[in-house]
Amino acid sequence: ILGALAAGQSPTRLNPMISLLQAKKPVFGLYAPSPPRGNRAPG
């Protein structure tokens, strides 16, 4: 009975972004620049 009650509750997601996307809310993030590959600048 306790297992059935726990399974009947609303699902919680590990990634909260999915809930925001389903609610059609804006999702923002940060871009993390990485150092250039190699040791020379292009050109």
PDB file of all heavy atoms in Angstrom:
ATOM      1  N   ILE A   1       0.843  -1.204   0.000  1.00  0.00           N
ATOM      2  CA  ILE A   1       0.000   0.000   0.000  1.00  0.00           C
ATOM      3  C   ILE A   1       0.875   1.251   0.000  1.00  0.00           C
ATOM      4  O   ILE A   1       0.609   2.206  -0.734  1.00  0.00           O
ATOM      5  CB  ILE A   1      -0.966  -0.024   1.195  1.00  0.00           C
ATOM      6  CG1 ILE A   1      -2.029  -1.097   0.973  1.00  0.00           C
ATOM      7  CG2 ILE A   1      -1.624   1.337   1.400  1.00  0.00           C
ATOM      8  CD1 ILE A   1      -2.910  -1.344   2.169  1.00  0.00           C
ATOM      9  N   LEU A   2       1.924   1.255   0.830  1.00  0.00           N
ATOM     10  CA  LEU A   2       2.822   2.411   0.863  1.00  0.00           C
ATOM     11  C   LEU A   2       3.528   2.603  -0.473  1.00  0.00           C
ATOM     12  O   LEU A   2       3.723   3.731  -0.927  1.00  0.00           O
ATOM     13  CB  LEU A   2       3.840   2.255   1.987  1.00  0.00           C
ATOM     14  CG  LEU A   2       3.302   2.424   3.408  1.00  0.00           C
ATOM     15  CD1 LEU A   2       4.396   2.139   4.417  1.00  0.00           C
ATOM     16  CD2 LEU A   2       2.724   3.798   3.608  1.00  0.00           C
ATOM     17  N   GLY A   3       3.899   1.519  -1.124  1.00  0.00           N
ATOM     18  CA  GLY A   3       4.538   1.618  -2.437  1.00  0.00           C
ATOM     19  C   GLY A   3       3.587   2.186  -3.479  1.00  0.00           C
ATOM     20  O   GLY A   3       3.986   2.975  -4.332  1.00  0.00           O
ATOM     21  N   ALA A   4       2.316   1.784  -3.406  1.00  0.00           N
ATOM     22  CA  ALA A   4       1.328   2.303  -4.350  1.00  0.00           C
ATOM     23  C   ALA A   4       1.096   3.791  -4.123  1.00  0.00           C
ATOM     24  O   ALA A   4       0.928   4.555  -5.080  1.00  0.00           O
ATOM     25  CB  ALA A   4       0.024   1.525  -4.223  1.00  0.00           C
ATOM     26  N   LEU A   5       1.094   4.217  -2.871  1.00  0.00           N
ATOM     27  CA  LEU A   5       0.908   5.641  -2.582  1.00  0.00           C
ATOM     28  C   LEU A   5       2.109   6.459  -3.076  1.00  0.00           C
ATOM     29  O   LEU A   5       1.944   7.562  -3.598  1.00  0.00           O
ATOM     30  CB  LEU A   5       0.712   5.858  -1.082  1.00  0.00           C
ATOM     31  CG  LEU A   5      -0.623   5.393  -0.505  1.00  0.00           C
ATOM     32  CD1 LEU A   5      -0.626   5.565   1.014  1.00  0.00           C
ATOM     33  CD2 LEU A   5      -1.773   6.144  -1.128  1.00  0.00           C
ATOM     34  N   ALA A   6       3.295   5.930  -2.908  1.00  0.00           N
ATOM     35  CA  ALA A   6       4.485   6.644  -3.367  1.00  0.00           C
ATOM     36  C   ALA A   6       4.523   6.723  -4.890  1.00  0.00           C
ATOM     37  O   ALA A   6       4.969   7.722  -5.462  1.00  0.00           O
ATOM     38  CB  ALA A   6       5.737   5.958  -2.841  1.00  0.00           C
ATOM     39  N   ALA A   7       4.067   5.693  -5.570  1.00  0.00           N
ATOM     40  CA  ALA A   7       4.080   5.688  -7.032  1.00  0.00           C
ATOM     41  C   ALA A   7       3.017   6.612  -7.603  1.00  0.00           C
ATOM     42  O   ALA A   7       3.154   7.106  -8.724  1.00  0.00           O
ATOM     43  CB  ALA A   7       3.869   4.271  -7.553  1.00  0.00           C
ATOM     44  N   GLY A   8       1.966   6.892  -6.853  1.00  0.00           N
ATOM     45  CA  GLY A   8       0.883   7.733  -7.332  1.00  0.00           C
ATOM     46  C   GLY A   8       1.165   9.215  -7.218  1.00  0.00           C
ATOM     47  O   GLY A   8       0.404  10.031  -7.729  1.00  0.00           O
ATOM     48  N   GLN A   9       2.241   9.613  -6.567  1.00  0.00           N
ATOM     49  CA  GLN A   9       2.549  11.027  -6.425  1.00  0.00           C
ATOM     50  C   GLN A   9       3.116  11.574  -7.726  1.00  0.00           C
ATOM     51  O   GLN A   9       3.532  10.835  -8.605  1.00  0.00           O
ATOM     52  CB  GLN A   9       3.539  11.237  -5.287  1.00  0.00           C
ATOM     53  CG  GLN A   9       2.953  10.911  -3.936  1.00  0.00           C
ATOM     54  CD  GLN A   9       3.954  11.167  -2.816  1.00  0.00           C
ATOM     55  OE1 GLN A   9       5.072  11.583  -3.079  1.00  0.00           O
ATOM     56  NE2 GLN A   9       3.541  10.930  -1.595  1.00  0.00           N
ATOM     57  N   SER A  10       3.127  12.904  -7.823  1.00  0.00           N
ATOM     58  CA  SER A  10       3.621  13.531  -9.046  1.00  0.00           C
ATOM     59  C   SER A  10       5.108  13.235  -9.217  1.00  0.00           C
ATOM     60  O   SER A  10       5.856  13.244  -8.253  1.00  0.00           O
ATOM     61  CB  SER A  10       3.393  15.042  -8.988  1.00  0.00           C
ATOM     62  OG  SER A  10       4.139  15.594  -7.927  1.00  0.00           O
ATOM     63  N   PRO A  11       5.531  12.996 -10.449  1.00  0.00           N
ATOM     64  CA  PRO A  11       6.936  12.649 -10.664  1.00  0.00           C
ATOM     65  C   PRO A  11       7.834  13.865 -10.474  1.00  0.00           C
ATOM     66  O   PRO A  11       7.508  14.971 -10.894  1.00  0.00           O
ATOM     67  CB  PRO A  11       6.974  12.178 -12.110  1.00  0.00           C
ATOM     68  CG  PRO A  11       5.828  12.872 -12.755  1.00  0.00           C
ATOM     69  CD  PRO A  11       4.771  12.997 -11.687  1.00  0.00           C
ATOM     70  N   THR A  12       8.961  13.662  -9.843  1.00  0.00           N
ATOM     71  CA  THR A  12       9.956  14.715  -9.727  1.00  0.00           C
ATOM     72  C   THR A  12      11.080  14.380 -10.699  1.00  0.00           C
ATOM     73  O   THR A  12      11.489  13.232 -10.824  1.00  0.00           O
ATOM     74  CB  THR A  12      10.514  14.798  -8.302  1.00  0.00           C
ATOM     75  OG1 THR A  12      11.051  13.531  -7.939  1.00  0.00           O
ATOM     76  CG2 THR A  12       9.417  15.162  -7.318  1.00  0.00           C
ATOM     77  N   ARG A  13      11.550  15.381 -11.373  1.00  0.00           N
ATOM     78  CA  ARG A  13      12.576  15.170 -12.381  1.00  0.00           C
ATOM     79  C   ARG A  13      13.945  15.497 -11.814  1.00  0.00           C
ATOM     80  O   ARG A  13      14.090  16.380 -10.973  1.00  0.00           O
ATOM     81  CB  ARG A  13      12.304  16.047 -13.584  1.00  0.00           C
ATOM     82  CG  ARG A  13      10.959  15.753 -14.225  1.00  0.00           C
ATOM     83  CD  ARG A  13      10.950  16.249 -15.645  1.00  0.00           C
ATOM     84  NE  ARG A  13       9.677  16.044 -16.268  1.00  0.00           N
ATOM     85  CZ  ARG A  13       9.362  14.942 -16.934  1.00  0.00           C
ATOM     86  NH1 ARG A  13      10.221  13.981 -17.047  1.00  0.00           N
ATOM     87  NH2 ARG A  13       8.182  14.823 -17.491  1.00  0.00           N
ATOM     88  N   LEU A  14      14.944  14.779 -12.297  1.00  0.00           N
ATOM     89  CA  LEU A  14      16.308  15.064 -11.896  1.00  0.00           C
ATOM     90  C   LEU A  14      16.794  16.364 -12.528  1.00  0.00           C
ATOM     91  O   LEU A  14      17.596  17.078 -11.950  1.00  0.00           O
ATOM     92  CB  LEU A  14      17.234  13.912 -12.295  1.00  0.00           C
ATOM     93  CG  LEU A  14      16.981  12.585 -11.592  1.00  0.00           C
ATOM     94  CD1 LEU A  14      17.906  11.515 -12.133  1.00  0.00           C
ATOM     95  CD2 LEU A  14      17.162  12.729 -10.099  1.00  0.00           C
ATOM     96  N   ASN A  15      16.299  16.667 -13.700  1.00  0.00           N
ATOM     97  CA  ASN A  15      16.682  17.887 -14.408  1.00  0.00           C
ATOM     98  C   ASN A  15      15.518  18.871 -14.347  1.00  0.00           C
ATOM     99  O   ASN A  15      14.487  18.678 -15.001  1.00  0.00           O
ATOM    100  CB  ASN A  15      17.024  17.560 -15.857  1.00  0.00           C
ATOM    101  CG  ASN A  15      17.594  18.739 -16.593  1.00  0.00           C
ATOM    102  OD1 ASN A  15      17.570  19.853 -16.105  1.00  0.00           O
ATOM    103  ND2 ASN A  15      18.103  18.486 -17.791  1.00  0.00           N
ATOM    104  N   PRO A  16      15.633  19.971 -13.575  1.00  0.00           N
ATOM    105  CA  PRO A  16      14.517  20.908 -13.462  1.00  0.00           C
ATOM    106  C   PRO A  16      14.241  21.680 -14.752  1.00  0.00           C
ATOM    107  O   PRO A  16      13.183  22.284 -14.888  1.00  0.00           O
ATOM    108  CB  PRO A  16      14.953  21.854 -12.342  1.00  0.00           C
ATOM    109  CG  PRO A  16      16.424  21.741 -12.284  1.00  0.00           C
ATOM    110  CD  PRO A  16      16.763  20.358 -12.737  1.00  0.00           C
ATOM    111  N   MET A  17      15.158  21.641 -15.702  1.00  0.00           N
ATOM    112  CA  MET A  17      14.941  22.344 -16.970  1.00  0.00           C
ATOM    113  C   MET A  17      13.769  21.744 -17.747  1.00  0.00           C
ATOM    114  O   MET A  17      13.077  22.451 -18.464  1.00  0.00           O
ATOM    115  CB  MET A  17      16.192  22.292 -17.844  1.00  0.00           C
ATOM    116  CG  MET A  17      17.394  22.934 -17.243  1.00  0.00           C
ATOM    117  SD  MET A  17      17.119  24.679 -17.049  1.00  0.00           S
ATOM    118  CE  MET A  17      18.607  25.143 -16.239  1.00  0.00           C
ATOM    119  N   ILE A  18      13.538  20.448 -17.604  1.00  0.00           N
ATOM    120  CA  ILE A  18      12.455  19.797 -18.337  1.00  0.00           C
ATOM    121  C   ILE A  18      11.111  20.353 -17.899  1.00  0.00           C
ATOM    122  O   ILE A  18      10.238  20.633 -18.721  1.00  0.00           O
ATOM    123  CB  ILE A  18      12.535  18.271 -18.150  1.00  0.00           C
ATOM    124  CG1 ILE A  18      13.825  17.745 -18.764  1.00  0.00           C
ATOM    125  CG2 ILE A  18      11.325  17.584 -18.769  1.00  0.00           C
ATOM    126  CD1 ILE A  18      14.095  16.292 -18.501  1.00  0.00           C
ATOM    127  N   SER A  19      10.949  20.558 -16.590  1.00  0.00           N
ATOM    128  CA  SER A  19       9.696  21.123 -16.090  1.00  0.00           C
ATOM    129  C   SER A  19       9.496  22.543 -16.607  1.00  0.00           C
ATOM    130  O   SER A  19       8.368  22.937 -16.932  1.00  0.00           O
ATOM    131  CB  SER A  19       9.686  21.123 -14.567  1.00  0.00           C
ATOM    132  OG  SER A  19       9.819  19.815 -14.092  1.00  0.00           O
ATOM    133  N   LEU A  20      10.573  23.317 -16.669  1.00  0.00           N
ATOM    134  CA  LEU A  20      10.454  24.676 -17.195  1.00  0.00           C
ATOM    135  C   LEU A  20      10.079  24.668 -18.669  1.00  0.00           C
ATOM    136  O   LEU A  20       9.258  25.477 -19.115  1.00  0.00           O
ATOM    137  CB  LEU A  20      11.778  25.425 -17.007  1.00  0.00           C
ATOM    138  CG  LEU A  20      12.152  25.784 -15.573  1.00  0.00           C
ATOM    139  CD1 LEU A  20      13.543  26.392 -15.543  1.00  0.00           C
ATOM    140  CD2 LEU A  20      11.145  26.735 -14.977  1.00  0.00           C
ATOM    141  N   LEU A  21      10.668  23.770 -19.433  1.00  0.00           N
ATOM    142  CA  LEU A  21      10.344  23.691 -20.855  1.00  0.00           C
ATOM    143  C   LEU A  21       8.903  23.245 -21.078  1.00  0.00           C
ATOM    144  O   LEU A  21       8.220  23.746 -21.970  1.00  0.00           O
ATOM    145  CB  LEU A  21      11.304  22.744 -21.567  1.00  0.00           C
ATOM    146  CG  LEU A  21      12.749  23.252 -21.693  1.00  0.00           C
ATOM    147  CD1 LEU A  21      13.650  22.141 -22.216  1.00  0.00           C
ATOM    148  CD2 LEU A  21      12.815  24.455 -22.593  1.00  0.00           C
ATOM    149  N   GLN A  22       8.403  22.315 -20.256  1.00  0.00           N
ATOM    150  CA  GLN A  22       7.022  21.866 -20.391  1.00  0.00           C
ATOM    151  C   GLN A  22       6.042  22.973 -20.038  1.00  0.00           C
ATOM    152  O   GLN A  22       4.961  23.055 -20.612  1.00  0.00           O
ATOM    153  CB  GLN A  22       6.770  20.657 -19.499  1.00  0.00           C
ATOM    154  CG  GLN A  22       7.370  19.390 -20.027  1.00  0.00           C
ATOM    155  CD  GLN A  22       7.127  18.205 -19.113  1.00  0.00           C
ATOM    156  OE1 GLN A  22       6.865  18.359 -17.934  1.00  0.00           O
ATOM    157  NE2 GLN A  22       7.218  17.013 -19.674  1.00  0.00           N
ATOM    158  N   ALA A  23       6.428  23.844 -19.098  1.00  0.00           N
ATOM    159  CA  ALA A  23       5.565  24.954 -18.707  1.00  0.00           C
ATOM    160  C   ALA A  23       5.722  26.151 -19.649  1.00  0.00           C
ATOM    161  O   ALA A  23       5.131  27.203 -19.417  1.00  0.00           O
ATOM    162  CB  ALA A  23       5.883  25.376 -17.281  1.00  0.00           C
ATOM    163  N   LYS A  24       6.529  25.984 -20.703  1.00  0.00           N
ATOM    164  CA  LYS A  24       6.796  27.027 -21.701  1.00  0.00           C
ATOM    165  C   LYS A  24       7.365  28.288 -21.051  1.00  0.00           C
ATOM    166  O   LYS A  24       7.020  29.401 -21.416  1.00  0.00           O
ATOM    167  CB  LYS A  24       5.540  27.359 -22.493  1.00  0.00           C
ATOM    168  CG  LYS A  24       4.915  26.152 -23.151  1.00  0.00           C
ATOM    169  CD  LYS A  24       4.515  26.434 -24.545  1.00  0.00           C
ATOM    170  CE  LYS A  24       3.767  25.271 -25.118  1.00  0.00           C
ATOM    171  NZ  LYS A  24       4.524  24.385 -25.874  1.00  0.00           N
ATOM    172  N   LYS A  25       8.251  28.097 -20.060  1.00  0.00           N
ATOM    173  CA  LYS A  25       8.942  29.200 -19.405  1.00  0.00           C
ATOM    174  C   LYS A  25      10.334  29.329 -20.026  1.00  0.00           C
ATOM    175  O   LYS A  25      10.887  28.366 -20.542  1.00  0.00           O
ATOM    176  CB  LYS A  25       9.064  28.946 -17.908  1.00  0.00           C
ATOM    177  CG  LYS A  25       7.722  28.974 -17.201  1.00  0.00           C
ATOM    178  CD  LYS A  25       7.901  28.827 -15.712  1.00  0.00           C
ATOM    179  CE  LYS A  25       6.562  28.894 -15.016  1.00  0.00           C
ATOM    180  NZ  LYS A  25       6.710  28.768 -13.568  1.00  0.00           N
ATOM    181  N   PRO A  26      10.916  30.529 -19.972  1.00  0.00           N
ATOM    182  CA  PRO A  26      12.249  30.701 -20.557  1.00  0.00           C
ATOM    183  C   PRO A  26      13.315  29.988 -19.744  1.00  0.00           C
ATOM    184  O   PRO A  26      13.250  29.918 -18.524  1.00  0.00           O
ATOM    185  CB  PRO A  26      12.461  32.218 -20.529  1.00  0.00           C
ATOM    186  CG  PRO A  26      11.551  32.709 -19.468  1.00  0.00           C
ATOM    187  CD  PRO A  26      10.378  31.782 -19.453  1.00  0.00           C
ATOM    188  N   VAL A  27      14.296  29.458 -20.460  1.00  0.00           N
ATOM    189  CA  VAL A  27      15.418  28.768 -19.836  1.00  0.00           C
ATOM    190  C   VAL A  27      16.687  29.473 -20.302  1.00  0.00           C
ATOM    191  O   VAL A  27      16.913  29.629 -21.494  1.00  0.00           O
ATOM    192  CB  VAL A  27      15.445  27.281 -20.247  1.00  0.00           C
ATOM    193  CG1 VAL A  27      16.634  26.570 -19.648  1.00  0.00           C
ATOM    194  CG2 VAL A  27      14.160  26.594 -19.831  1.00  0.00           C
ATOM    195  N   PHE A  28      17.488  29.901 -19.348  1.00  0.00           N
ATOM    196  CA  PHE A  28      18.717  30.618 -19.664  1.00  0.00           C
ATOM    197  C   PHE A  28      19.910  29.811 -19.191  1.00  0.00           C
ATOM    198  O   PHE A  28      19.829  29.042 -18.252  1.00  0.00           O
ATOM    199  CB  PHE A  28      18.741  31.995 -18.996  1.00  0.00           C
ATOM    200  CG  PHE A  28      17.652  32.904 -19.488  1.00  0.00           C
ATOM    201  CD1 PHE A  28      16.488  33.059 -18.771  1.00  0.00           C
ATOM    202  CD2 PHE A  28      17.794  33.589 -20.673  1.00  0.00           C
ATOM    203  CE1 PHE A  28      15.478  33.884 -19.210  1.00  0.00           C
ATOM    204  CE2 PHE A  28      16.796  34.425 -21.128  1.00  0.00           C
ATOM    205  CZ  PHE A  28      15.629  34.571 -20.398  1.00  0.00           C
ATOM    206  N   GLY A  29      21.032  30.017 -19.838  1.00  0.00           N
ATOM    207  CA  GLY A  29      22.256  29.336 -19.449  1.00  0.00           C
ATOM    208  C   GLY A  29      23.451  30.221 -19.721  1.00  0.00           C
ATOM    209  O   GLY A  29      23.332  31.324 -20.255  1.00  0.00           O
ATOM    210  N   LEU A  30      24.601  29.745 -19.339  1.00  0.00           N
ATOM    211  CA  LEU A  30      25.850  30.472 -19.565  1.00  0.00           C
ATOM    212  C   LEU A  30      26.696  29.715 -20.570  1.00  0.00           C
ATOM    213  O   LEU A  30      26.740  28.493 -20.560  1.00  0.00           O
ATOM    214  CB  LEU A  30      26.645  30.609 -18.263  1.00  0.00           C
ATOM    215  CG  LEU A  30      26.110  31.584 -17.242  1.00  0.00           C
ATOM    216  CD1 LEU A  30      26.980  31.544 -15.997  1.00  0.00           C
ATOM    217  CD2 LEU A  30      26.081  32.982 -17.805  1.00  0.00           C
ATOM    218  N   TYR A  31      27.367  30.458 -21.394  1.00  0.00           N
ATOM    219  CA  TYR A  31      28.314  29.876 -22.334  1.00  0.00           C
ATOM    220  C   TYR A  31      29.677  29.898 -21.663  1.00  0.00           C
ATOM    221  O   TYR A  31      30.111  30.927 -21.154  1.00  0.00           O
ATOM    222  CB  TYR A  31      28.341  30.677 -23.635  1.00  0.00           C
ATOM    223  CG  TYR A  31      29.540  30.400 -24.489  1.00  0.00           C
ATOM    224  CD1 TYR A  31      29.658  29.197 -25.162  1.00  0.00           C
ATOM    225  CD2 TYR A  31      30.560  31.326 -24.608  1.00  0.00           C
ATOM    226  CE1 TYR A  31      30.768  28.933 -25.941  1.00  0.00           C
ATOM    227  CE2 TYR A  31      31.669  31.072 -25.389  1.00  0.00           C
ATOM    228  CZ  TYR A  31      31.763  29.871 -26.048  1.00  0.00           C
ATOM    229  OH  TYR A  31      32.855  29.611 -26.814  1.00  0.00           O
ATOM    230  N   ALA A  32      30.327  28.783 -21.621  1.00  0.00           N
ATOM    231  CA  ALA A  32      31.653  28.707 -21.015  1.00  0.00           C
ATOM    232  C   ALA A  32      32.688  28.593 -22.119  1.00  0.00           C
ATOM    233  O   ALA A  32      32.811  27.552 -22.762  1.00  0.00           O
ATOM    234  CB  ALA A  32      31.744  27.511 -20.083  1.00  0.00           C
ATOM    235  N   PRO A  33      33.437  29.671 -22.381  1.00  0.00           N
ATOM    236  CA  PRO A  33      34.448  29.589 -23.436  1.00  0.00           C
ATOM    237  C   PRO A  33      35.574  28.658 -23.037  1.00  0.00           C
ATOM    238  O   PRO A  33      35.878  28.485 -21.865  1.00  0.00           O
ATOM    239  CB  PRO A  33      34.942  31.025 -23.567  1.00  0.00           C
ATOM    240  CG  PRO A  33      34.645  31.647 -22.261  1.00  0.00           C
ATOM    241  CD  PRO A  33      33.414  30.971 -21.741  1.00  0.00           C
ATOM    242  N   SER A  34      36.184  28.048 -24.004  1.00  0.00           N
ATOM    243  CA  SER A  34      37.305  27.146 -23.743  1.00  0.00           C
ATOM    244  C   SER A  34      38.550  27.707 -24.415  1.00  0.00           C
ATOM    245  O   SER A  34      38.457  28.458 -25.380  1.00  0.00           O
ATOM    246  CB  SER A  34      37.000  25.755 -24.275  1.00  0.00           C
ATOM    247  OG  SER A  34      36.820  25.808 -25.665  1.00  0.00           O
ATOM    248  N   PRO A  35      39.697  27.356 -23.902  1.00  0.00           N
ATOM    249  CA  PRO A  35      40.921  27.844 -24.546  1.00  0.00           C
ATOM    250  C   PRO A  35      41.036  27.272 -25.955  1.00  0.00           C
ATOM    251  O   PRO A  35      40.555  26.179 -26.235  1.00  0.00           O
ATOM    252  CB  PRO A  35      42.038  27.342 -23.646  1.00  0.00           C
ATOM    253  CG  PRO A  35      41.438  26.353 -22.732  1.00  0.00           C
ATOM    254  CD  PRO A  35      39.961  26.535 -22.757  1.00  0.00           C
ATOM    255  N   PRO A  36      41.662  28.015 -26.855  1.00  0.00           N
ATOM    256  CA  PRO A  36      41.773  27.517 -28.233  1.00  0.00           C
ATOM    257  C   PRO A  36      42.635  26.262 -28.291  1.00  0.00           C
ATOM    258  O   PRO A  36      43.550  26.081 -27.496  1.00  0.00           O
ATOM    259  CB  PRO A  36      42.419  28.677 -28.984  1.00  0.00           C
ATOM    260  CG  PRO A  36      43.068  29.503 -27.947  1.00  0.00           C
ATOM    261  CD  PRO A  36      42.287  29.311 -26.687  1.00  0.00           C
ATOM    262  N   ARG A  37      42.324  25.418 -29.230  1.00  0.00           N
ATOM    263  CA  ARG A  37      43.099  24.191 -29.409  1.00  0.00           C
ATOM    264  C   ARG A  37      44.397  24.521 -30.133  1.00  0.00           C
ATOM    265  O   ARG A  37      44.437  25.374 -31.000  1.00  0.00           O
ATOM    266  CB  ARG A  37      42.302  23.169 -30.193  1.00  0.00           C
ATOM    267  CG  ARG A  37      41.083  22.737 -29.443  1.00  0.00           C
ATOM    268  CD  ARG A  37      40.328  21.699 -30.211  1.00  0.00           C
ATOM    269  NE  ARG A  37      39.109  21.393 -29.465  1.00  0.00           N
ATOM    270  CZ  ARG A  37      38.441  20.291 -29.611  1.00  0.00           C
ATOM    271  NH1 ARG A  37      38.834  19.388 -30.466  1.00  0.00           N
ATOM    272  NH2 ARG A  37      37.363  20.085 -28.909  1.00  0.00           N
ATOM    273  N   GLY A  38      45.421  23.826 -29.769  1.00  0.00           N
ATOM    274  CA  GLY A  38      46.719  24.110 -30.367  1.00  0.00           C
ATOM    275  C   GLY A  38      47.346  25.304 -29.670  1.00  0.00           C
ATOM    276  O   GLY A  38      46.821  25.852 -28.719  1.00  0.00           O
ATOM    277  N   ASN A  39      48.491  25.752 -30.162  1.00  0.00           N
ATOM    278  CA  ASN A  39      49.161  26.872 -29.518  1.00  0.00           C
ATOM    279  C   ASN A  39      49.310  28.072 -30.437  1.00  0.00           C
ATOM    280  O   ASN A  39      50.063  28.975 -30.157  1.00  0.00           O
ATOM    281  CB  ASN A  39      50.532  26.429 -28.979  1.00  0.00           C
ATOM    282  CG  ASN A  39      51.434  25.936 -30.080  1.00  0.00           C
ATOM    283  OD1 ASN A  39      51.016  25.821 -31.229  1.00  0.00           O
ATOM    284  ND2 ASN A  39      52.676  25.631 -29.743  1.00  0.00           N
ATOM    285  N   ARG A  40      48.597  28.097 -31.536  1.00  0.00           N
ATOM    286  CA  ARG A  40      48.720  29.210 -32.478  1.00  0.00           C
ATOM    287  C   ARG A  40      47.345  29.821 -32.737  1.00  0.00           C
ATOM    288  O   ARG A  40      46.339  29.133 -32.808  1.00  0.00           O
ATOM    289  CB  ARG A  40      49.306  28.730 -33.787  1.00  0.00           C
ATOM    290  CG  ARG A  40      50.616  27.995 -33.625  1.00  0.00           C
ATOM    291  CD  ARG A  40      51.642  28.561 -34.577  1.00  0.00           C
ATOM    292  NE  ARG A  40      52.887  27.837 -34.457  1.00  0.00           N
ATOM    293  CZ  ARG A  40      53.927  28.306 -33.800  1.00  0.00           C
ATOM    294  NH1 ARG A  40      53.866  29.467 -33.217  1.00  0.00           N
ATOM    295  NH2 ARG A  40      55.036  27.618 -33.725  1.00  0.00           N
ATOM    296  N   ALA A  41      47.351  31.119 -32.880  1.00  0.00           N
ATOM    297  CA  ALA A  41      46.119  31.821 -33.242  1.00  0.00           C
ATOM    298  C   ALA A  41      45.841  31.571 -34.718  1.00  0.00           C
ATOM    299  O   ALA A  41      46.772  31.400 -35.508  1.00  0.00           O
ATOM    300  CB  ALA A  41      46.257  33.308 -32.973  1.00  0.00           C
ATOM    301  N   PRO A  42      44.585  31.562 -35.119  1.00  0.00           N
ATOM    302  CA  PRO A  42      44.281  31.333 -36.538  1.00  0.00           C
ATOM    303  C   PRO A  42      44.864  32.445 -37.403  1.00  0.00           C
ATOM    304  O   PRO A  42      44.655  33.619 -37.156  1.00  0.00           O
ATOM    305  CB  PRO A  42      42.764  31.345 -36.605  1.00  0.00           C
ATOM    306  CG  PRO A  42      42.278  31.314 -35.208  1.00  0.00           C
ATOM    307  CD  PRO A  42      43.393  31.681 -34.316  1.00  0.00           C
ATOM    308  N   GLY A  43      45.644  32.070 -38.389  1.00  0.00           N
ATOM    309  CA  GLY A  43      46.199  33.022 -39.335  1.00  0.00           C
ATOM    310  C   GLY A  43      47.448  33.742 -38.854  1.00  0.00           C
ATOM    311  O   GLY A  43      47.880  34.694 -39.473  1.00  0.00           O
TER     312      GLY A  43
END
